[in-house]
C-alpha cells in the first residue's frame, strides 16, 4: 500500500512530538516538598511547570511543615520554595541546618499573626480574653505542624488567654470558617499570613501583637539539599534564581480560588503570561 504524502507528514510530526518527550525524561527526576497553604501551592506549582517544560520529571509532595523539613534534612526531597523565615520555620530549620542550603528569599513582604474581620471591635491580642464569648472561645487554626500554630500556642500562654483555645484544621477549613462568619457578621479570629487571597476577597485586619510573638516582616526562602548544585546544576540555577513579587503570587492565588480550578493548569497560564520573569530564572 502506498502512503500518501500528507500521511507521511502526519507521521513525521507525531514522531517529532514524541522524541523530545523521550529525551526530556532523560534529564532526571526532581522532588519538591510543600505545605498545602495557598502561597506554597502557587509557588511550588509554578516551579514545577518551569522545570517540567525544561525536560525534568518533577514530583511535588504535600506534607506537614515538620515532615517537609525532616524530608529536606534526610535528602528525601531535592528542595522547597516555602520556607518562612526568620520566625515561622526557625525551629524546624535549626534541626537540619547542616544538611540543607539556603538559596535566599524568593518573596519579600510576608507576615503572620491573628486576623479578624474589620467589623470586630478589638484591635489587639491583649483584648481577646475579654471578648472570648464572642469568638466562641476559639482561634481557628490550620495543620498542627505549622509554625504559625506553635506561635499561636505561645501567644495563648504569654497573653494568658485562659478562655481561648486553638482549634486545629487546614488552610481550607480556616478560610471557609472565616467566610461563613463574615457572611453572618459573626466574630471570628483565625491564624493568618500575608500574602493570601483572603485580603483581596474580605475586609480583614491583623490584631496588634505588642509582645512580638509573631515577629515582624518575614520572607519566603528557597532551600535545597546539599549536593544538588553538583547533581543537577540546571535545576539548582532555576531554584536559586526563582523570585517574584507579592502581587504576582496574589494573582495566581486568586485564580486558584475559582471553582474547579487546577493549580497546575493555572501555573501554566501564569508562566505563559509572565514569560519575561520566568526567563530570568533560567540559566
C-alpha atoms as a PDB file:
ATOM      1  CA  UNK A   1       0.000   0.000   0.000  1.00  0.00           C
ATOM      2  CA  UNK A   2       1.320   3.457  -0.874  1.00  0.00           C
ATOM      3  CA  UNK A   3       1.277   6.005   1.953  1.00  0.00           C
ATOM      4  CA  UNK A   4       0.054   9.355   0.763  1.00  0.00           C
ATOM      5  CA  UNK A   5       2.365  12.348   1.289  1.00  0.00           C
ATOM      6  CA  UNK A   6       0.111  14.017   3.871  1.00  0.00           C
ATOM      7  CA  UNK A   7       0.049  10.774   5.913  1.00  0.00           C
ATOM      8  CA  UNK A   8       3.844  10.668   5.878  1.00  0.00           C
ATOM      9  CA  UNK A   9       3.931  14.277   7.054  1.00  0.00           C
ATOM     10  CA  UNK A  10       1.480  13.478   9.846  1.00  0.00           C
ATOM     11  CA  UNK A  11       3.590  10.525  10.965  1.00  0.00           C
ATOM     12  CA  UNK A  12       6.750  12.630  10.961  1.00  0.00           C
ATOM     13  CA  UNK A  13       5.023  15.351  13.009  1.00  0.00           C
ATOM     14  CA  UNK A  14       3.834  12.806  15.560  1.00  0.00           C
ATOM     15  CA  UNK A  15       7.316  11.334  15.820  1.00  0.00           C
ATOM     16  CA  UNK A  16       8.878  14.736  16.348  1.00  0.00           C
ATOM     17  CA  UNK A  17       6.461  15.339  19.222  1.00  0.00           C
ATOM     18  CA  UNK A  18       7.329  12.030  20.852  1.00  0.00           C
ATOM     19  CA  UNK A  19      11.121  12.271  20.602  1.00  0.00           C
ATOM     20  CA  UNK A  20      11.503  15.433  22.741  1.00  0.00           C
ATOM     21  CA  UNK A  21       9.342  13.834  25.435  1.00  0.00           C
ATOM     22  CA  UNK A  22      11.526  10.742  25.460  1.00  0.00           C
ATOM     23  CA  UNK A  23      14.640  12.877  25.603  1.00  0.00           C
ATOM     24  CA  UNK A  24      13.124  15.007  28.328  1.00  0.00           C
ATOM     25  CA  UNK A  25      12.696  12.005  30.588  1.00  0.00           C
ATOM     26  CA  UNK A  26      16.483  11.523  30.494  1.00  0.00           C
ATOM     27  CA  UNK A  27      17.090  14.797  32.342  1.00  0.00           C
ATOM     28  CA  UNK A  28      16.178  13.163  35.627  1.00  0.00           C
ATOM     29  CA  UNK A  29      13.682  13.316  38.458  1.00  0.00           C
ATOM     30  CA  UNK A  30      13.210  16.214  40.848  1.00  0.00           C
ATOM     31  CA  UNK A  31      11.096  16.153  44.003  1.00  0.00           C
ATOM     32  CA  UNK A  32       9.892  19.252  45.838  1.00  0.00           C
ATOM     33  CA  UNK A  33       8.051  19.249  49.160  1.00  0.00           C
ATOM     34  CA  UNK A  34       5.480  21.828  50.209  1.00  0.00           C
ATOM     35  CA  UNK A  35       2.791  22.578  52.763  1.00  0.00           C
ATOM     36  CA  UNK A  36      -0.708  22.976  51.323  1.00  0.00           C
ATOM     37  CA  UNK A  37      -1.004  26.676  52.045  1.00  0.00           C
ATOM     38  CA  UNK A  38      -2.314  28.965  49.312  1.00  0.00           C
ATOM     39  CA  UNK A  39       1.111  30.579  48.951  1.00  0.00           C
ATOM     40  CA  UNK A  40       3.043  27.339  48.626  1.00  0.00           C
ATOM     41  CA  UNK A  41       0.508  25.678  46.328  1.00  0.00           C
ATOM     42  CA  UNK A  42       1.049  28.614  43.982  1.00  0.00           C
ATOM     43  CA  UNK A  43       4.846  28.853  44.144  1.00  0.00           C
ATOM     44  CA  UNK A  44       5.538  25.112  44.037  1.00  0.00           C
ATOM     45  CA  UNK A  45       3.318  24.564  41.011  1.00  0.00           C
ATOM     46  CA  UNK A  46       4.978  27.449  39.164  1.00  0.00           C
ATOM     47  CA  UNK A  47       8.419  25.950  39.747  1.00  0.00           C
ATOM     48  CA  UNK A  48       7.125  22.537  38.680  1.00  0.00           C
ATOM     49  CA  UNK A  49       5.772  23.950  35.419  1.00  0.00           C
ATOM     50  CA  UNK A  50       9.084  25.657  34.631  1.00  0.00           C
ATOM     51  CA  UNK A  51      11.165  22.549  35.335  1.00  0.00           C
ATOM     52  CA  UNK A  52       8.670  20.289  33.543  1.00  0.00           C
ATOM     53  CA  UNK A  53       8.948  22.443  30.444  1.00  0.00           C
ATOM     54  CA  UNK A  54      12.748  22.260  30.672  1.00  0.00           C
ATOM     55  CA  UNK A  55      12.510  18.473  30.483  1.00  0.00           C
ATOM     56  CA  UNK A  56      12.629  17.285  34.079  1.00  0.00           C
ATOM     57  CA  UNK A  57      10.299  14.771  35.681  1.00  0.00           C
ATOM     58  CA  UNK A  58       9.068  16.818  38.642  1.00  0.00           C
ATOM     59  CA  UNK A  59       7.107  15.423  41.572  1.00  0.00           C
ATOM     60  CA  UNK A  60       5.617  17.769  44.164  1.00  0.00           C
ATOM     61  CA  UNK A  61       4.691  16.262  47.525  1.00  0.00           C
ATOM     62  CA  UNK A  62       2.312  17.941  50.009  1.00  0.00           C
ATOM     63  CA  UNK A  63       3.261  17.296  53.649  1.00  0.00           C
ATOM     64  CA  UNK A  64       3.110  18.944  57.060  1.00  0.00           C
ATOM     65  CA  UNK A  65       5.702  21.601  57.847  1.00  0.00           C
ATOM     66  CA  UNK A  66       7.542  19.294  60.249  1.00  0.00           C
ATOM     67  CA  UNK A  67       7.624  16.457  57.704  1.00  0.00           C
ATOM     68  CA  UNK A  68       8.786  18.860  54.985  1.00  0.00           C
ATOM     69  CA  UNK A  69      11.854  19.854  56.942  1.00  0.00           C
ATOM     70  CA  UNK A  70      12.557  16.280  58.038  1.00  0.00           C
ATOM     71  CA  UNK A  71      12.486  15.207  54.390  1.00  0.00           C
ATOM     72  CA  UNK A  72      14.863  18.020  53.493  1.00  0.00           C
ATOM     73  CA  UNK A  73      17.271  17.044  56.269  1.00  0.00           C
ATOM     74  CA  UNK A  74      17.226  13.405  55.167  1.00  0.00           C
ATOM     75  CA  UNK A  75      17.670  14.396  51.491  1.00  0.00           C
ATOM     76  CA  UNK A  76      14.443  12.559  50.644  1.00  0.00           C
ATOM     77  CA  UNK A  77      13.467  15.587  48.550  1.00  0.00           C
ATOM     78  CA  UNK A  78      15.554  17.964  46.485  1.00  0.00           C
ATOM     79  CA  UNK A  79      14.152  21.292  47.584  1.00  0.00           C
ATOM     80  CA  UNK A  80      11.348  23.532  48.741  1.00  0.00           C
ATOM     81  CA  UNK A  81      10.280  27.083  47.943  1.00  0.00           C
ATOM     82  CA  UNK A  82       8.149  27.694  51.049  1.00  0.00           C
ATOM     83  CA  UNK A  83      10.473  28.354  53.995  1.00  0.00           C
ATOM     84  CA  UNK A  84       9.081  31.195  56.126  1.00  0.00           C
ATOM     85  CA  UNK A  85      11.912  32.967  57.930  1.00  0.00           C
ATOM     86  CA  UNK A  86      13.219  34.247  60.249  1.00  0.00           C
ATOM     87  CA  UNK A  87      10.356  33.339  62.625  1.00  0.00           C
ATOM     88  CA  UNK A  88       7.831  30.777  61.399  1.00  0.00           C
ATOM     89  CA  UNK A  89      10.173  27.930  60.420  1.00  0.00           C
ATOM     90  CA  UNK A  90      13.128  28.865  62.632  1.00  0.00           C
ATOM     91  CA  UNK A  91      12.869  25.822  64.906  1.00  0.00           C
ATOM     92  CA  UNK A  92      12.477  23.378  62.015  1.00  0.00           C
ATOM     93  CA  UNK A  93      15.484  24.796  60.182  1.00  0.00           C
ATOM     94  CA  UNK A  94      17.696  24.632  63.269  1.00  0.00           C
ATOM     95  CA  UNK A  95      17.368  20.821  63.326  1.00  0.00           C
ATOM     96  CA  UNK A  96      18.571  20.304  59.736  1.00  0.00           C
ATOM     97  CA  UNK A  97      20.688  23.384  59.021  1.00  0.00           C
ATOM     98  CA  UNK A  98      23.846  21.347  58.343  1.00  0.00           C
ATOM     99  CA  UNK A  99      22.085  19.244  55.684  1.00  0.00           C
ATOM    100  CA  UNK A 100      20.476  21.969  53.581  1.00  0.00           C
ATOM    101  CA  UNK A 101      21.438  25.092  51.645  1.00  0.00           C
ATOM    102  CA  UNK A 102      19.569  28.390  51.875  1.00  0.00           C
ATOM    103  CA  UNK A 103      19.275  29.984  48.436  1.00  0.00           C
ATOM    104  CA  UNK A 104      17.798  33.147  49.903  1.00  0.00           C
ATOM    105  CA  UNK A 105      14.375  34.790  49.661  1.00  0.00           C
ATOM    106  CA  UNK A 106      12.064  34.215  46.711  1.00  0.00           C
ATOM    107  CA  UNK A 107       9.445  36.624  48.074  1.00  0.00           C
ATOM    108  CA  UNK A 108       9.641  39.647  50.398  1.00  0.00           C
ATOM    109  CA  UNK A 109       6.890  41.266  52.447  1.00  0.00           C
ATOM    110  CA  UNK A 110       5.338  38.340  54.283  1.00  0.00           C
ATOM    111  CA  UNK A 111       3.807  38.355  57.741  1.00  0.00           C
ATOM    112  CA  UNK A 112       1.988  36.031  60.144  1.00  0.00           C
ATOM    113  CA  UNK A 113      -0.415  36.702  63.012  1.00  0.00           C
ATOM    114  CA  UNK A 114      -4.012  36.586  64.191  1.00  0.00           C
ATOM    115  CA  UNK A 115      -6.638  38.001  61.839  1.00  0.00           C
ATOM    116  CA  UNK A 116     -10.223  39.155  62.388  1.00  0.00           C
ATOM    117  CA  UNK A 117     -12.870  40.784  60.157  1.00  0.00           C
ATOM    118  CA  UNK A 118     -12.720  44.594  60.099  1.00  0.00           C
ATOM    119  CA  UNK A 119     -16.054  44.885  61.925  1.00  0.00           C
ATOM    120  CA  UNK A 120     -14.679  43.116  65.011  1.00  0.00           C
ATOM    121  CA  UNK A 121     -14.387  45.795  67.699  1.00  0.00           C
ATOM    122  CA  UNK A 122     -10.994  44.879  69.133  1.00  0.00           C
ATOM    123  CA  UNK A 123      -7.552  45.666  67.746  1.00  0.00           C
ATOM    124  CA  UNK A 124      -5.076  43.724  69.898  1.00  0.00           C
ATOM    125  CA  UNK A 125      -4.416  40.154  71.002  1.00  0.00           C
ATOM    126  CA  UNK A 126      -4.481  41.500  74.559  1.00  0.00           C
ATOM    127  CA  UNK A 127      -8.223  42.130  74.169  1.00  0.00           C
ATOM    128  CA  UNK A 128      -9.142  38.573  73.161  1.00  0.00           C
ATOM    129  CA  UNK A 129      -9.858  37.225  76.649  1.00  0.00           C
ATOM    130  CA  UNK A 130     -12.403  39.917  77.448  1.00  0.00           C
ATOM    131  CA  UNK A 131     -14.288  39.037  74.251  1.00  0.00           C
ATOM    132  CA  UNK A 132     -13.800  35.250  74.379  1.00  0.00           C
ATOM    133  CA  UNK A 133     -17.544  34.545  74.330  1.00  0.00           C
ATOM    134  CA  UNK A 134     -17.996  36.471  71.086  1.00  0.00           C
ATOM    135  CA  UNK A 135     -15.318  34.290  69.493  1.00  0.00           C
ATOM    136  CA  UNK A 136     -16.881  31.133  70.927  1.00  0.00           C
ATOM    137  CA  UNK A 137     -13.656  30.680  72.885  1.00  0.00           C
ATOM    138  CA  UNK A 138     -11.749  29.629  69.748  1.00  0.00           C
ATOM    139  CA  UNK A 139      -8.909  30.654  67.490  1.00  0.00           C
ATOM    140  CA  UNK A 140      -9.379  28.843  64.180  1.00  0.00           C
ATOM    141  CA  UNK A 141      -6.043  27.402  63.073  1.00  0.00           C
ATOM    142  CA  UNK A 142      -4.520  25.218  60.387  1.00  0.00           C
ATOM    143  CA  UNK A 143      -2.487  21.980  60.416  1.00  0.00           C
ATOM    144  CA  UNK A 144      -0.849  21.221  63.773  1.00  0.00           C
ATOM    145  CA  UNK A 145       2.685  21.037  62.363  1.00  0.00           C
ATOM    146  CA  UNK A 146       2.660  24.599  61.035  1.00  0.00           C
ATOM    147  CA  UNK A 147       4.980  27.165  62.593  1.00  0.00           C
ATOM    148  CA  UNK A 148       2.132  29.641  62.997  1.00  0.00           C
ATOM    149  CA  UNK A 149       0.358  27.094  65.214  1.00  0.00           C
ATOM    150  CA  UNK A 150       3.270  26.817  67.651  1.00  0.00           C
ATOM    151  CA  UNK A 151       3.493  30.618  67.701  1.00  0.00           C
ATOM    152  CA  UNK A 152      -0.224  30.809  68.490  1.00  0.00           C
ATOM    153  CA  UNK A 153       0.174  28.316  71.342  1.00  0.00           C
ATOM    154  CA  UNK A 154       2.912  30.588  72.663  1.00  0.00           C
ATOM    155  CA  UNK A 155       0.647  33.636  72.258  1.00  0.00           C
ATOM    156  CA  UNK A 156      -2.126  31.922  74.237  1.00  0.00           C
ATOM    157  CA  UNK A 157       0.369  31.288  77.043  1.00  0.00           C
ATOM    158  CA  UNK A 158       2.164  34.652  77.008  1.00  0.00           C
ATOM    159  CA  UNK A 159      -1.031  36.703  76.736  1.00  0.00           C
ATOM    160  CA  UNK A 160      -2.718  34.459  79.331  1.00  0.00           C
ATOM    161  CA  UNK A 161      -5.685  33.719  77.084  1.00  0.00           C
ATOM    162  CA  UNK A 162      -7.256  31.324  79.563  1.00  0.00           C
ATOM    163  CA  UNK A 163     -10.673  31.423  77.907  1.00  0.00           C
ATOM    164  CA  UNK A 164      -9.387  30.811  74.376  1.00  0.00           C
ATOM    165  CA  UNK A 165      -8.314  27.541  72.753  1.00  0.00           C
ATOM    166  CA  UNK A 166      -6.621  26.889  69.429  1.00  0.00           C
ATOM    167  CA  UNK A 167      -8.557  24.671  67.014  1.00  0.00           C
ATOM    168  CA  UNK A 168      -6.533  22.582  64.542  1.00  0.00           C
ATOM    169  CA  UNK A 169      -7.668  22.207  60.948  1.00  0.00           C
ATOM    170  CA  UNK A 170      -6.448  23.049  57.460  1.00  0.00           C
ATOM    171  CA  UNK A 171      -5.999  26.231  55.462  1.00  0.00           C
ATOM    172  CA  UNK A 172      -9.171  25.454  53.500  1.00  0.00           C
ATOM    173  CA  UNK A 173     -11.247  24.852  56.627  1.00  0.00           C
ATOM    174  CA  UNK A 174      -9.896  28.006  58.247  1.00  0.00           C
ATOM    175  CA  UNK A 175     -10.841  30.246  55.330  1.00  0.00           C
ATOM    176  CA  UNK A 176     -14.235  28.536  54.999  1.00  0.00           C
ATOM    177  CA  UNK A 177     -14.973  29.330  58.655  1.00  0.00           C
ATOM    178  CA  UNK A 178     -13.838  32.911  58.057  1.00  0.00           C
ATOM    179  CA  UNK A 179     -16.112  33.251  55.039  1.00  0.00           C
ATOM    180  CA  UNK A 180     -19.135  31.852  56.862  1.00  0.00           C
ATOM    181  CA  UNK A 181     -18.554  34.145  59.831  1.00  0.00           C
ATOM    182  CA  UNK A 182     -18.269  37.232  57.616  1.00  0.00           C
ATOM    183  CA  UNK A 183     -21.414  36.261  55.747  1.00  0.00           C
ATOM    184  CA  UNK A 184     -23.297  36.182  59.053  1.00  0.00           C
ATOM    185  CA  UNK A 185     -21.448  39.166  60.600  1.00  0.00           C
ATOM    186  CA  UNK A 186     -20.147  36.957  63.398  1.00  0.00           C
ATOM    187  CA  UNK A 187     -16.917  37.450  65.330  1.00  0.00           C
ATOM    188  CA  UNK A 188     -14.106  35.073  64.385  1.00  0.00           C
ATOM    189  CA  UNK A 189     -10.332  35.034  64.874  1.00  0.00           C
ATOM    190  CA  UNK A 190      -8.028  32.943  62.698  1.00  0.00           C
ATOM    191  CA  UNK A 191      -4.343  32.277  62.193  1.00  0.00           C
ATOM    192  CA  UNK A 192      -3.300  34.084  59.040  1.00  0.00           C
ATOM    193  CA  UNK A 193      -0.493  35.284  56.849  1.00  0.00           C
ATOM    194  CA  UNK A 194       0.405  37.645  54.032  1.00  0.00           C
ATOM    195  CA  UNK A 195       0.273  37.234  51.079  1.00  0.00           C
ATOM    196  CA  UNK A 196      -3.093  35.460  50.985  1.00  0.00           C
ATOM    197  CA  UNK A 197      -6.113  35.718  48.722  1.00  0.00           C
ATOM    198  CA  UNK A 198      -8.385  36.423  51.716  1.00  0.00           C
ATOM    199  CA  UNK A 199      -7.119  40.018  51.792  1.00  0.00           C
ATOM    200  CA  UNK A 200      -8.446  40.567  48.273  1.00  0.00           C
ATOM    201  CA  UNK A 201     -11.786  38.930  48.991  1.00  0.00           C
ATOM    202  CA  UNK A 202     -12.590  40.133  52.519  1.00  0.00           C
ATOM    203  CA  UNK A 203     -12.101  43.203  54.704  1.00  0.00           C
ATOM    204  CA  UNK A 204      -9.893  41.792  57.453  1.00  0.00           C
ATOM    205  CA  UNK A 205      -7.167  43.070  59.768  1.00  0.00           C
ATOM    206  CA  UNK A 206      -4.308  41.785  61.901  1.00  0.00           C
ATOM    207  CA  UNK A 207      -4.635  42.056  65.660  1.00  0.00           C
ATOM    208  CA  UNK A 208      -1.763  44.033  67.184  1.00  0.00           C
ATOM    209  CA  UNK A 209       0.884  41.862  68.820  1.00  0.00           C
ATOM    210  CA  UNK A 210       2.606  44.090  71.421  1.00  0.00           C
ATOM    211  CA  UNK A 211       4.661  41.183  72.808  1.00  0.00           C
ATOM    212  CA  UNK A 212       6.054  40.424  69.348  1.00  0.00           C
ATOM    213  CA  UNK A 213       5.200  36.728  69.480  1.00  0.00           C
ATOM    214  CA  UNK A 214       4.684  36.502  65.725  1.00  0.00           C
ATOM    215  CA  UNK A 215       7.788  38.502  64.842  1.00  0.00           C
ATOM    216  CA  UNK A 216       7.923  41.228  62.252  1.00  0.00           C
ATOM    217  CA  UNK A 217       8.155  41.151  58.488  1.00  0.00           C
ATOM    218  CA  UNK A 218       9.234  37.809  57.067  1.00  0.00           C
ATOM    219  CA  UNK A 219      10.498  36.399  53.800  1.00  0.00           C
ATOM    220  CA  UNK A 220       9.801  33.158  51.982  1.00  0.00           C
ATOM    221  CA  UNK A 221      13.069  31.364  51.207  1.00  0.00           C
ATOM    222  CA  UNK A 222      14.121  28.593  48.843  1.00  0.00           C
ATOM    223  CA  UNK A 223      16.097  25.671  50.267  1.00  0.00           C
ATOM    224  CA  UNK A 224      17.766  22.738  48.545  1.00  0.00           C
ATOM    225  CA  UNK A 225      19.536  19.643  49.774  1.00  0.00           C
ATOM    226  CA  UNK A 226      23.303  19.860  49.902  1.00  0.00           C
ATOM    227  CA  UNK A 227      24.783  18.369  46.751  1.00  0.00           C
ATOM    228  CA  UNK A 228      22.010  19.451  44.384  1.00  0.00           C
ATOM    229  CA  UNK A 229      24.274  22.006  42.721  1.00  0.00           C
ATOM    230  CA  UNK A 230      26.687  19.255  41.685  1.00  0.00           C
ATOM    231  CA  UNK A 231      23.987  16.692  40.830  1.00  0.00           C
ATOM    232  CA  UNK A 232      21.621  18.956  38.874  1.00  0.00           C
ATOM    233  CA  UNK A 233      23.222  22.347  38.185  1.00  0.00           C
ATOM    234  CA  UNK A 234      20.403  23.482  35.884  1.00  0.00           C
ATOM    235  CA  UNK A 235      17.719  22.717  38.484  1.00  0.00           C
ATOM    236  CA  UNK A 236      19.835  24.393  41.149  1.00  0.00           C
ATOM    237  CA  UNK A 237      20.134  27.514  38.978  1.00  0.00           C
ATOM    238  CA  UNK A 238      16.362  27.788  38.459  1.00  0.00           C
ATOM    239  CA  UNK A 239      15.686  27.392  42.177  1.00  0.00           C
ATOM    240  CA  UNK A 240      18.431  29.879  43.007  1.00  0.00           C
ATOM    241  CA  UNK A 241      17.029  32.458  40.563  1.00  0.00           C
ATOM    242  CA  UNK A 242      13.338  31.915  41.394  1.00  0.00           C
ATOM    243  CA  UNK A 243      11.887  35.140  42.787  1.00  0.00           C
ATOM    244  CA  UNK A 244       8.635  37.013  42.363  1.00  0.00           C
ATOM    245  CA  UNK A 245       6.571  39.820  43.881  1.00  0.00           C
ATOM    246  CA  UNK A 246       3.623  39.504  46.309  1.00  0.00           C
ATOM    247  CA  UNK A 247       1.217  40.882  43.700  1.00  0.00           C
ATOM    248  CA  UNK A 248       2.337  38.217  41.222  1.00  0.00           C
ATOM    249  CA  UNK A 249       1.733  35.466  43.749  1.00  0.00           C
ATOM    250  CA  UNK A 250      -1.602  37.026  44.745  1.00  0.00           C
ATOM    251  CA  UNK A 251      -2.766  36.951  41.118  1.00  0.00           C
ATOM    252  CA  UNK A 252      -2.156  33.206  40.896  1.00  0.00           C
ATOM    253  CA  UNK A 253      -3.673  32.544  44.326  1.00  0.00           C
ATOM    254  CA  UNK A 254      -6.844  34.316  43.220  1.00  0.00           C
ATOM    255  CA  UNK A 255      -7.090  32.126  40.124  1.00  0.00           C
ATOM    256  CA  UNK A 256      -6.692  29.067  42.349  1.00  0.00           C
ATOM    257  CA  UNK A 257      -9.770  30.043  44.348  1.00  0.00           C
ATOM    258  CA  UNK A 258     -12.014  29.880  41.318  1.00  0.00           C
ATOM    259  CA  UNK A 259     -14.408  26.957  41.290  1.00  0.00           C
ATOM    260  CA  UNK A 260     -12.955  23.719  39.887  1.00  0.00           C
ATOM    261  CA  UNK A 261      -9.633  25.407  39.165  1.00  0.00           C
ATOM    262  CA  UNK A 262      -6.490  23.312  38.798  1.00  0.00           C
ATOM    263  CA  UNK A 263      -3.374  24.843  40.436  1.00  0.00           C
ATOM    264  CA  UNK A 264      -1.062  23.253  37.862  1.00  0.00           C
ATOM    265  CA  UNK A 265      -3.105  24.470  34.905  1.00  0.00           C
ATOM    266  CA  UNK A 266      -3.260  27.928  36.478  1.00  0.00           C
ATOM    267  CA  UNK A 267       0.504  27.849  36.985  1.00  0.00           C
ATOM    268  CA  UNK A 268       0.941  27.011  33.301  1.00  0.00           C
ATOM    269  CA  UNK A 269      -1.169  30.036  32.431  1.00  0.00           C
ATOM    270  CA  UNK A 270       0.828  32.247  34.807  1.00  0.00           C
ATOM    271  CA  UNK A 271       4.145  31.065  33.359  1.00  0.00           C
ATOM    272  CA  UNK A 272       2.908  31.753  29.822  1.00  0.00           C
ATOM    273  CA  UNK A 273       1.664  35.250  30.708  1.00  0.00           C
ATOM    274  CA  UNK A 274       4.852  36.140  32.608  1.00  0.00           C
ATOM    275  CA  UNK A 275       7.414  34.783  30.167  1.00  0.00           C
ATOM    276  CA  UNK A 276       9.937  37.569  30.765  1.00  0.00           C
ATOM    277  CA  UNK A 277      10.009  36.935  34.524  1.00  0.00           C
ATOM    278  CA  UNK A 278      10.273  33.181  34.004  1.00  0.00           C
ATOM    279  CA  UNK A 279      13.132  33.534  31.520  1.00  0.00           C
ATOM    280  CA  UNK A 280      15.115  35.436  34.146  1.00  0.00           C
ATOM    281  CA  UNK A 281      15.059  32.331  36.351  1.00  0.00           C
ATOM    282  CA  UNK A 282      16.624  30.044  33.770  1.00  0.00           C
ATOM    283  CA  UNK A 283      20.394  29.533  33.485  1.00  0.00           C
END
